[in-house]
N, C-alpha and C. Protein backbone atom coordinates (compact mmCIF):
# COMPACT_ATOMS: atom_id res chain seq x y z
N MET A 1 91.74 -12.89 -35.20
CA MET A 1 92.88 -12.04 -34.95
C MET A 1 93.25 -11.30 -36.24
N THR A 2 93.46 -10.01 -36.12
CA THR A 2 93.79 -9.22 -37.30
C THR A 2 95.24 -9.45 -37.73
N GLN A 3 95.51 -9.10 -38.97
CA GLN A 3 96.87 -9.25 -39.50
C GLN A 3 97.85 -8.37 -38.73
N ASP A 4 97.41 -7.15 -38.38
CA ASP A 4 98.27 -6.24 -37.65
C ASP A 4 98.59 -6.78 -36.26
N ARG A 5 97.60 -7.36 -35.61
CA ARG A 5 97.80 -7.95 -34.27
C ARG A 5 98.78 -9.12 -34.35
N MET A 6 98.62 -9.95 -35.36
CA MET A 6 99.51 -11.09 -35.55
C MET A 6 100.96 -10.62 -35.79
N LEU A 7 101.10 -9.57 -36.59
CA LEU A 7 102.42 -9.02 -36.88
C LEU A 7 103.07 -8.48 -35.60
N LYS A 8 102.27 -7.84 -34.75
CA LYS A 8 102.81 -7.30 -33.49
C LYS A 8 103.25 -8.43 -32.56
N LEU A 9 102.51 -9.54 -32.54
CA LEU A 9 102.92 -10.69 -31.73
C LEU A 9 104.22 -11.30 -32.26
N LEU A 10 104.34 -11.39 -33.56
CA LEU A 10 105.59 -11.88 -34.15
C LEU A 10 106.74 -10.93 -33.85
N ALA A 11 106.43 -9.63 -33.81
CA ALA A 11 107.46 -8.64 -33.50
C ALA A 11 107.97 -8.82 -32.07
N TRP A 12 107.10 -9.26 -31.15
CA TRP A 12 107.54 -9.56 -29.78
C TRP A 12 108.61 -10.64 -29.81
N ALA A 13 108.32 -11.72 -30.54
CA ALA A 13 109.29 -12.82 -30.63
C ALA A 13 110.58 -12.34 -31.30
N ALA A 14 110.44 -11.53 -32.31
CA ALA A 14 111.62 -10.99 -33.00
C ALA A 14 112.44 -10.11 -32.05
N ALA A 15 111.75 -9.30 -31.25
CA ALA A 15 112.45 -8.43 -30.29
C ALA A 15 113.20 -9.26 -29.25
N LEU A 16 112.58 -10.34 -28.80
CA LEU A 16 113.26 -11.22 -27.84
C LEU A 16 114.52 -11.82 -28.46
N TRP A 17 114.42 -12.25 -29.72
CA TRP A 17 115.60 -12.79 -30.41
C TRP A 17 116.70 -11.73 -30.49
N ILE A 18 116.35 -10.53 -30.92
CA ILE A 18 117.34 -9.46 -31.08
C ILE A 18 118.01 -9.16 -29.74
N GLY A 19 117.20 -9.02 -28.69
CA GLY A 19 117.77 -8.75 -27.36
C GLY A 19 118.70 -9.86 -26.93
N TYR A 20 118.27 -11.09 -27.10
CA TYR A 20 119.11 -12.23 -26.75
C TYR A 20 120.41 -12.23 -27.55
N GLU A 21 120.30 -12.08 -28.85
CA GLU A 21 121.47 -12.14 -29.73
C GLU A 21 122.49 -11.05 -29.38
N PHE A 22 122.02 -9.82 -29.25
CA PHE A 22 122.94 -8.74 -28.93
C PHE A 22 123.57 -8.92 -27.56
N LEU A 23 122.76 -9.25 -26.57
CA LEU A 23 123.30 -9.36 -25.22
C LEU A 23 124.19 -10.60 -25.05
N TRP A 24 123.91 -11.67 -25.77
CA TRP A 24 124.76 -12.85 -25.71
C TRP A 24 126.18 -12.53 -26.17
N TYR A 25 126.30 -11.83 -27.27
CA TYR A 25 127.62 -11.55 -27.83
C TYR A 25 128.38 -10.45 -27.08
N GLU A 26 127.71 -9.76 -26.17
CA GLU A 26 128.42 -8.73 -25.39
C GLU A 26 129.52 -9.36 -24.53
N GLN A 27 129.33 -10.57 -24.06
CA GLN A 27 130.35 -11.21 -23.24
C GLN A 27 131.68 -11.30 -23.99
N TYR A 28 131.63 -11.50 -25.28
CA TYR A 28 132.86 -11.59 -26.06
C TYR A 28 133.44 -10.21 -26.36
N LYS A 29 132.56 -9.28 -26.69
CA LYS A 29 133.02 -7.93 -27.01
C LYS A 29 133.60 -7.22 -25.79
N LEU A 30 133.02 -7.46 -24.63
CA LEU A 30 133.48 -6.77 -23.43
C LEU A 30 134.67 -7.45 -22.77
N ALA A 31 134.88 -8.73 -23.05
CA ALA A 31 135.95 -9.48 -22.40
C ALA A 31 137.34 -9.14 -22.93
N GLY A 32 137.43 -8.78 -24.17
CA GLY A 32 138.74 -8.48 -24.73
C GLY A 32 138.75 -8.62 -26.23
N PRO A 33 139.91 -8.50 -26.83
CA PRO A 33 140.01 -8.54 -28.29
C PRO A 33 139.37 -9.79 -28.89
N THR A 34 138.76 -9.60 -30.05
CA THR A 34 138.16 -10.71 -30.78
C THR A 34 138.75 -10.74 -32.18
N LEU A 35 138.72 -11.89 -32.79
CA LEU A 35 139.23 -12.05 -34.15
C LEU A 35 138.54 -11.09 -35.11
N VAL A 36 137.23 -10.95 -34.98
CA VAL A 36 136.47 -10.07 -35.87
C VAL A 36 137.00 -8.65 -35.80
N PHE A 37 137.11 -8.10 -34.60
CA PHE A 37 137.53 -6.71 -34.48
C PHE A 37 139.03 -6.53 -34.73
N GLU A 38 139.82 -7.55 -34.47
CA GLU A 38 141.24 -7.46 -34.82
C GLU A 38 141.41 -7.36 -36.33
N ARG A 39 140.68 -8.18 -37.08
CA ARG A 39 140.75 -8.13 -38.55
C ARG A 39 140.23 -6.80 -39.08
N LEU A 40 139.10 -6.36 -38.55
CA LEU A 40 138.54 -5.10 -39.02
C LEU A 40 139.44 -3.93 -38.66
N SER A 41 140.08 -3.97 -37.51
CA SER A 41 141.00 -2.93 -37.10
C SER A 41 142.22 -2.89 -38.02
N ALA A 42 142.76 -4.05 -38.32
CA ALA A 42 143.92 -4.11 -39.23
C ALA A 42 143.55 -3.58 -40.61
N TRP A 43 142.35 -3.87 -41.06
CA TRP A 43 141.89 -3.45 -42.38
C TRP A 43 141.59 -1.95 -42.42
N SER A 44 140.91 -1.44 -41.37
CA SER A 44 140.42 -0.06 -41.39
C SER A 44 141.37 0.96 -40.77
N GLY A 45 142.25 0.49 -39.89
CA GLY A 45 143.11 1.41 -39.17
C GLY A 45 142.47 1.97 -37.91
N ILE A 46 141.24 1.60 -37.63
CA ILE A 46 140.56 2.03 -36.40
C ILE A 46 141.07 1.16 -35.27
N PRO A 47 141.49 1.75 -34.15
CA PRO A 47 141.97 0.94 -33.03
C PRO A 47 140.93 -0.09 -32.60
N GLU A 48 141.37 -1.31 -32.34
CA GLU A 48 140.47 -2.43 -32.06
C GLU A 48 139.57 -2.18 -30.85
N ARG A 49 140.15 -1.80 -29.73
CA ARG A 49 139.37 -1.69 -28.49
C ARG A 49 138.25 -0.65 -28.58
N PRO A 50 138.52 0.60 -28.99
CA PRO A 50 137.42 1.56 -29.09
C PRO A 50 136.34 1.12 -30.09
N PHE A 51 136.76 0.52 -31.19
CA PHE A 51 135.83 0.03 -32.21
C PHE A 51 134.92 -1.04 -31.61
N ARG A 52 135.52 -2.02 -30.95
CA ARG A 52 134.78 -3.13 -30.34
C ARG A 52 133.83 -2.63 -29.25
N LEU A 53 134.30 -1.73 -28.40
CA LEU A 53 133.47 -1.23 -27.31
C LEU A 53 132.35 -0.32 -27.81
N PHE A 54 132.62 0.45 -28.86
CA PHE A 54 131.58 1.28 -29.46
C PHE A 54 130.45 0.41 -29.98
N VAL A 55 130.79 -0.65 -30.70
CA VAL A 55 129.77 -1.57 -31.22
C VAL A 55 129.02 -2.23 -30.06
N ALA A 56 129.74 -2.63 -29.03
CA ALA A 56 129.10 -3.28 -27.87
C ALA A 56 128.07 -2.35 -27.23
N VAL A 57 128.43 -1.10 -27.03
CA VAL A 57 127.51 -0.14 -26.42
C VAL A 57 126.29 0.08 -27.31
N GLN A 58 126.52 0.20 -28.62
CA GLN A 58 125.40 0.38 -29.55
C GLN A 58 124.45 -0.81 -29.50
N GLU A 59 125.00 -2.01 -29.43
CA GLU A 59 124.16 -3.20 -29.36
C GLU A 59 123.39 -3.28 -28.04
N MET A 60 124.00 -2.87 -26.95
CA MET A 60 123.29 -2.86 -25.68
C MET A 60 122.13 -1.87 -25.70
N ILE A 61 122.36 -0.70 -26.29
CA ILE A 61 121.30 0.31 -26.40
C ILE A 61 120.17 -0.24 -27.27
N ALA A 62 120.52 -0.83 -28.41
CA ALA A 62 119.50 -1.39 -29.31
C ALA A 62 118.71 -2.50 -28.62
N ALA A 63 119.39 -3.34 -27.87
CA ALA A 63 118.71 -4.43 -27.15
C ALA A 63 117.72 -3.85 -26.14
N ALA A 64 118.14 -2.85 -25.39
CA ALA A 64 117.24 -2.24 -24.40
C ALA A 64 116.04 -1.59 -25.09
N LEU A 65 116.29 -0.87 -26.17
CA LEU A 65 115.20 -0.19 -26.88
C LEU A 65 114.20 -1.19 -27.48
N VAL A 66 114.70 -2.25 -28.08
CA VAL A 66 113.82 -3.20 -28.75
C VAL A 66 113.02 -4.05 -27.75
N LEU A 67 113.55 -4.23 -26.56
CA LEU A 67 112.83 -5.03 -25.56
C LEU A 67 111.76 -4.23 -24.82
N TRP A 68 111.86 -2.91 -24.83
CA TRP A 68 110.88 -2.05 -24.17
C TRP A 68 109.79 -1.71 -25.20
N PRO A 69 108.54 -2.09 -24.95
CA PRO A 69 107.49 -1.91 -25.97
C PRO A 69 107.37 -0.48 -26.50
N ARG A 70 107.49 0.49 -25.65
CA ARG A 70 107.32 1.89 -26.08
C ARG A 70 108.42 2.34 -27.06
N THR A 71 109.61 1.78 -26.92
CA THR A 71 110.72 2.19 -27.78
C THR A 71 111.09 1.12 -28.81
N ARG A 72 110.28 0.08 -28.89
CA ARG A 72 110.57 -1.03 -29.81
C ARG A 72 110.79 -0.57 -31.26
N PRO A 73 109.98 0.34 -31.80
CA PRO A 73 110.23 0.74 -33.19
C PRO A 73 111.63 1.32 -33.40
N LEU A 74 112.08 2.15 -32.47
CA LEU A 74 113.43 2.73 -32.59
C LEU A 74 114.50 1.66 -32.40
N GLY A 75 114.27 0.74 -31.49
CA GLY A 75 115.21 -0.36 -31.30
C GLY A 75 115.30 -1.23 -32.54
N GLY A 76 114.16 -1.45 -33.20
CA GLY A 76 114.16 -2.21 -34.44
C GLY A 76 114.97 -1.52 -35.52
N LEU A 77 114.79 -0.20 -35.64
CA LEU A 77 115.58 0.57 -36.62
C LEU A 77 117.06 0.51 -36.30
N MET A 78 117.40 0.65 -35.04
CA MET A 78 118.80 0.61 -34.65
C MET A 78 119.40 -0.77 -34.91
N ALA A 79 118.66 -1.81 -34.57
CA ALA A 79 119.13 -3.18 -34.83
C ALA A 79 119.30 -3.41 -36.32
N LEU A 80 118.37 -2.90 -37.11
CA LEU A 80 118.46 -3.04 -38.57
C LEU A 80 119.73 -2.37 -39.09
N GLY A 81 120.02 -1.20 -38.58
CA GLY A 81 121.24 -0.49 -38.97
C GLY A 81 122.51 -1.23 -38.56
N LEU A 82 122.52 -1.71 -37.32
CA LEU A 82 123.69 -2.45 -36.84
C LEU A 82 123.93 -3.72 -37.64
N MET A 83 122.87 -4.44 -37.94
CA MET A 83 123.03 -5.69 -38.69
C MET A 83 123.35 -5.44 -40.15
N THR A 84 122.87 -4.33 -40.70
CA THR A 84 123.26 -3.96 -42.06
C THR A 84 124.77 -3.70 -42.10
N GLY A 85 125.27 -3.02 -41.08
CA GLY A 85 126.71 -2.79 -40.99
C GLY A 85 127.49 -4.08 -40.84
N ALA A 86 127.01 -4.96 -39.97
CA ALA A 86 127.70 -6.24 -39.75
C ALA A 86 127.74 -7.07 -41.03
N ILE A 87 126.62 -7.15 -41.72
CA ILE A 87 126.56 -7.92 -42.97
C ILE A 87 127.48 -7.28 -44.00
N GLY A 88 127.46 -5.97 -44.08
CA GLY A 88 128.35 -5.26 -45.00
C GLY A 88 129.82 -5.53 -44.72
N PHE A 89 130.20 -5.51 -43.44
CA PHE A 89 131.59 -5.81 -43.09
C PHE A 89 131.96 -7.24 -43.49
N HIS A 90 131.05 -8.17 -43.30
CA HIS A 90 131.33 -9.56 -43.67
C HIS A 90 131.50 -9.69 -45.19
N LEU A 91 130.68 -8.98 -45.95
CA LEU A 91 130.69 -9.14 -47.40
C LEU A 91 131.76 -8.33 -48.12
N PHE A 92 132.10 -7.17 -47.59
CA PHE A 92 132.93 -6.24 -48.35
C PHE A 92 134.27 -5.90 -47.73
N THR A 93 134.70 -6.67 -46.75
CA THR A 93 136.02 -6.46 -46.14
C THR A 93 136.75 -7.80 -46.07
N PRO A 94 138.01 -7.77 -45.69
CA PRO A 94 138.74 -9.04 -45.53
C PRO A 94 138.19 -9.95 -44.43
N LEU A 95 137.24 -9.47 -43.65
CA LEU A 95 136.62 -10.29 -42.60
C LEU A 95 136.04 -11.57 -43.20
N GLY A 96 135.34 -11.44 -44.29
CA GLY A 96 134.78 -12.59 -44.98
C GLY A 96 133.54 -13.13 -44.30
N VAL A 97 132.88 -14.03 -45.00
CA VAL A 97 131.62 -14.59 -44.53
C VAL A 97 131.85 -15.70 -43.49
N ASP A 98 132.85 -16.52 -43.70
CA ASP A 98 133.12 -17.64 -42.78
C ASP A 98 134.35 -17.33 -41.94
N THR A 99 134.23 -16.35 -41.09
CA THR A 99 135.34 -15.82 -40.30
C THR A 99 136.02 -16.88 -39.45
N TYR A 100 135.25 -17.71 -38.80
CA TYR A 100 135.80 -18.68 -37.85
C TYR A 100 135.90 -20.09 -38.42
N GLY A 101 135.60 -20.27 -39.71
CA GLY A 101 135.65 -21.60 -40.31
C GLY A 101 134.62 -22.55 -39.74
N ASP A 102 133.47 -21.99 -39.35
CA ASP A 102 132.41 -22.80 -38.72
C ASP A 102 131.14 -22.85 -39.58
N GLY A 103 131.31 -22.71 -40.88
CA GLY A 103 130.14 -22.73 -41.75
C GLY A 103 129.41 -21.40 -41.78
N ALA A 104 130.09 -20.33 -41.48
CA ALA A 104 129.55 -18.96 -41.54
C ALA A 104 128.45 -18.72 -40.49
N GLN A 105 128.57 -19.34 -39.34
CA GLN A 105 127.55 -19.21 -38.28
C GLN A 105 127.30 -17.75 -37.90
N LEU A 106 128.36 -16.98 -37.69
CA LEU A 106 128.21 -15.58 -37.28
C LEU A 106 127.48 -14.78 -38.36
N PHE A 107 127.84 -15.00 -39.62
CA PHE A 107 127.19 -14.32 -40.73
C PHE A 107 125.72 -14.71 -40.83
N LYS A 108 125.42 -15.99 -40.68
CA LYS A 108 124.03 -16.45 -40.74
C LYS A 108 123.20 -15.83 -39.62
N GLU A 109 123.77 -15.73 -38.43
CA GLU A 109 123.06 -15.11 -37.32
C GLU A 109 122.82 -13.63 -37.58
N ALA A 110 123.80 -12.97 -38.18
CA ALA A 110 123.62 -11.55 -38.53
C ALA A 110 122.48 -11.39 -39.53
N CYS A 111 122.43 -12.26 -40.52
CA CYS A 111 121.35 -12.20 -41.52
C CYS A 111 119.99 -12.46 -40.88
N PHE A 112 119.91 -13.46 -40.02
CA PHE A 112 118.64 -13.77 -39.36
C PHE A 112 118.21 -12.62 -38.45
N THR A 113 119.16 -12.04 -37.74
CA THR A 113 118.85 -10.92 -36.85
C THR A 113 118.40 -9.71 -37.68
N TRP A 114 118.98 -9.52 -38.86
CA TRP A 114 118.55 -8.46 -39.77
C TRP A 114 117.08 -8.67 -40.15
N VAL A 115 116.71 -9.90 -40.48
CA VAL A 115 115.33 -10.21 -40.85
C VAL A 115 114.40 -9.95 -39.66
N MET A 116 114.82 -10.32 -38.47
CA MET A 116 114.00 -10.08 -37.28
C MET A 116 113.83 -8.57 -37.03
N ALA A 117 114.89 -7.80 -37.24
CA ALA A 117 114.80 -6.35 -37.07
C ALA A 117 113.87 -5.75 -38.13
N ALA A 118 113.95 -6.25 -39.35
CA ALA A 118 113.05 -5.78 -40.41
C ALA A 118 111.60 -6.09 -40.06
N LEU A 119 111.36 -7.24 -39.45
CA LEU A 119 110.01 -7.61 -39.01
C LEU A 119 109.50 -6.64 -37.95
N VAL A 120 110.36 -6.28 -37.01
CA VAL A 120 109.97 -5.31 -35.97
C VAL A 120 109.63 -3.97 -36.61
N VAL A 121 110.46 -3.52 -37.53
CA VAL A 121 110.21 -2.24 -38.22
C VAL A 121 108.90 -2.31 -39.00
N LEU A 122 108.68 -3.40 -39.71
CA LEU A 122 107.44 -3.57 -40.47
C LEU A 122 106.21 -3.56 -39.55
N ALA A 123 106.30 -4.25 -38.45
CA ALA A 123 105.17 -4.33 -37.51
C ALA A 123 104.86 -2.98 -36.88
N HIS A 124 105.86 -2.14 -36.77
CA HIS A 124 105.69 -0.84 -36.09
C HIS A 124 105.83 0.33 -37.05
N ARG A 125 105.57 0.08 -38.33
CA ARG A 125 105.75 1.12 -39.34
C ARG A 125 104.83 2.32 -39.10
N ALA A 126 103.64 2.10 -38.59
CA ALA A 126 102.72 3.21 -38.34
C ALA A 126 103.29 4.15 -37.26
N GLU A 127 103.84 3.56 -36.20
CA GLU A 127 104.44 4.40 -35.15
C GLU A 127 105.66 5.15 -35.68
N LEU A 128 106.45 4.49 -36.52
CA LEU A 128 107.63 5.15 -37.09
C LEU A 128 107.23 6.29 -38.03
N ARG A 129 106.17 6.08 -38.82
CA ARG A 129 105.68 7.16 -39.69
C ARG A 129 105.18 8.34 -38.86
N ALA A 130 104.46 8.06 -37.79
CA ALA A 130 103.94 9.12 -36.92
C ALA A 130 105.10 9.89 -36.28
N LEU A 131 106.10 9.18 -35.83
CA LEU A 131 107.27 9.83 -35.22
C LEU A 131 107.99 10.69 -36.25
N ALA A 132 108.18 10.16 -37.44
CA ALA A 132 108.84 10.94 -38.50
C ALA A 132 108.03 12.18 -38.84
N SER A 133 106.73 12.05 -38.90
CA SER A 133 105.86 13.18 -39.20
C SER A 133 105.99 14.27 -38.13
N ARG A 134 105.97 13.84 -36.87
CA ARG A 134 106.13 14.82 -35.76
C ARG A 134 107.47 15.51 -35.82
N LEU A 135 108.52 14.76 -36.10
CA LEU A 135 109.87 15.34 -36.15
C LEU A 135 110.03 16.30 -37.33
N LEU A 136 109.41 15.98 -38.44
CA LEU A 136 109.54 16.83 -39.64
C LEU A 136 108.70 18.10 -39.55
N GLN A 137 107.69 18.11 -38.68
CA GLN A 137 106.84 19.29 -38.52
C GLN A 137 107.51 20.36 -37.68
N ARG A 138 108.55 20.01 -36.96
CA ARG A 138 109.21 20.97 -36.07
C ARG A 138 110.11 21.88 -36.81
């Protein structure tokens, strides 16, 4: 088995994790206010509900893209961006790393999901380069 083939198989597992992680947390984002978005809203001045729902929709789109093989590279990029934002909010806002006092579980999951998204992007870098090349030629 070639290294590229092995990386693509690992990217499948990573995509399944990303889809699961994003879709699992939608139940909380869609159900109503959460501590995370209440704190971020108070800090940023962005109304909690639109902020929370915007993130929820973005995560659902990323989950769908990453689970569909043809759009997996774009889903990986989107997931990488979303998790970079999540990690940044945890590190650089009053949200903090251990938001719920549970040993930073949410932050650790965000970091792991970021690594999984980076793996998807790495595995599909050739497709992303080809797409960028096509877009830049227009």
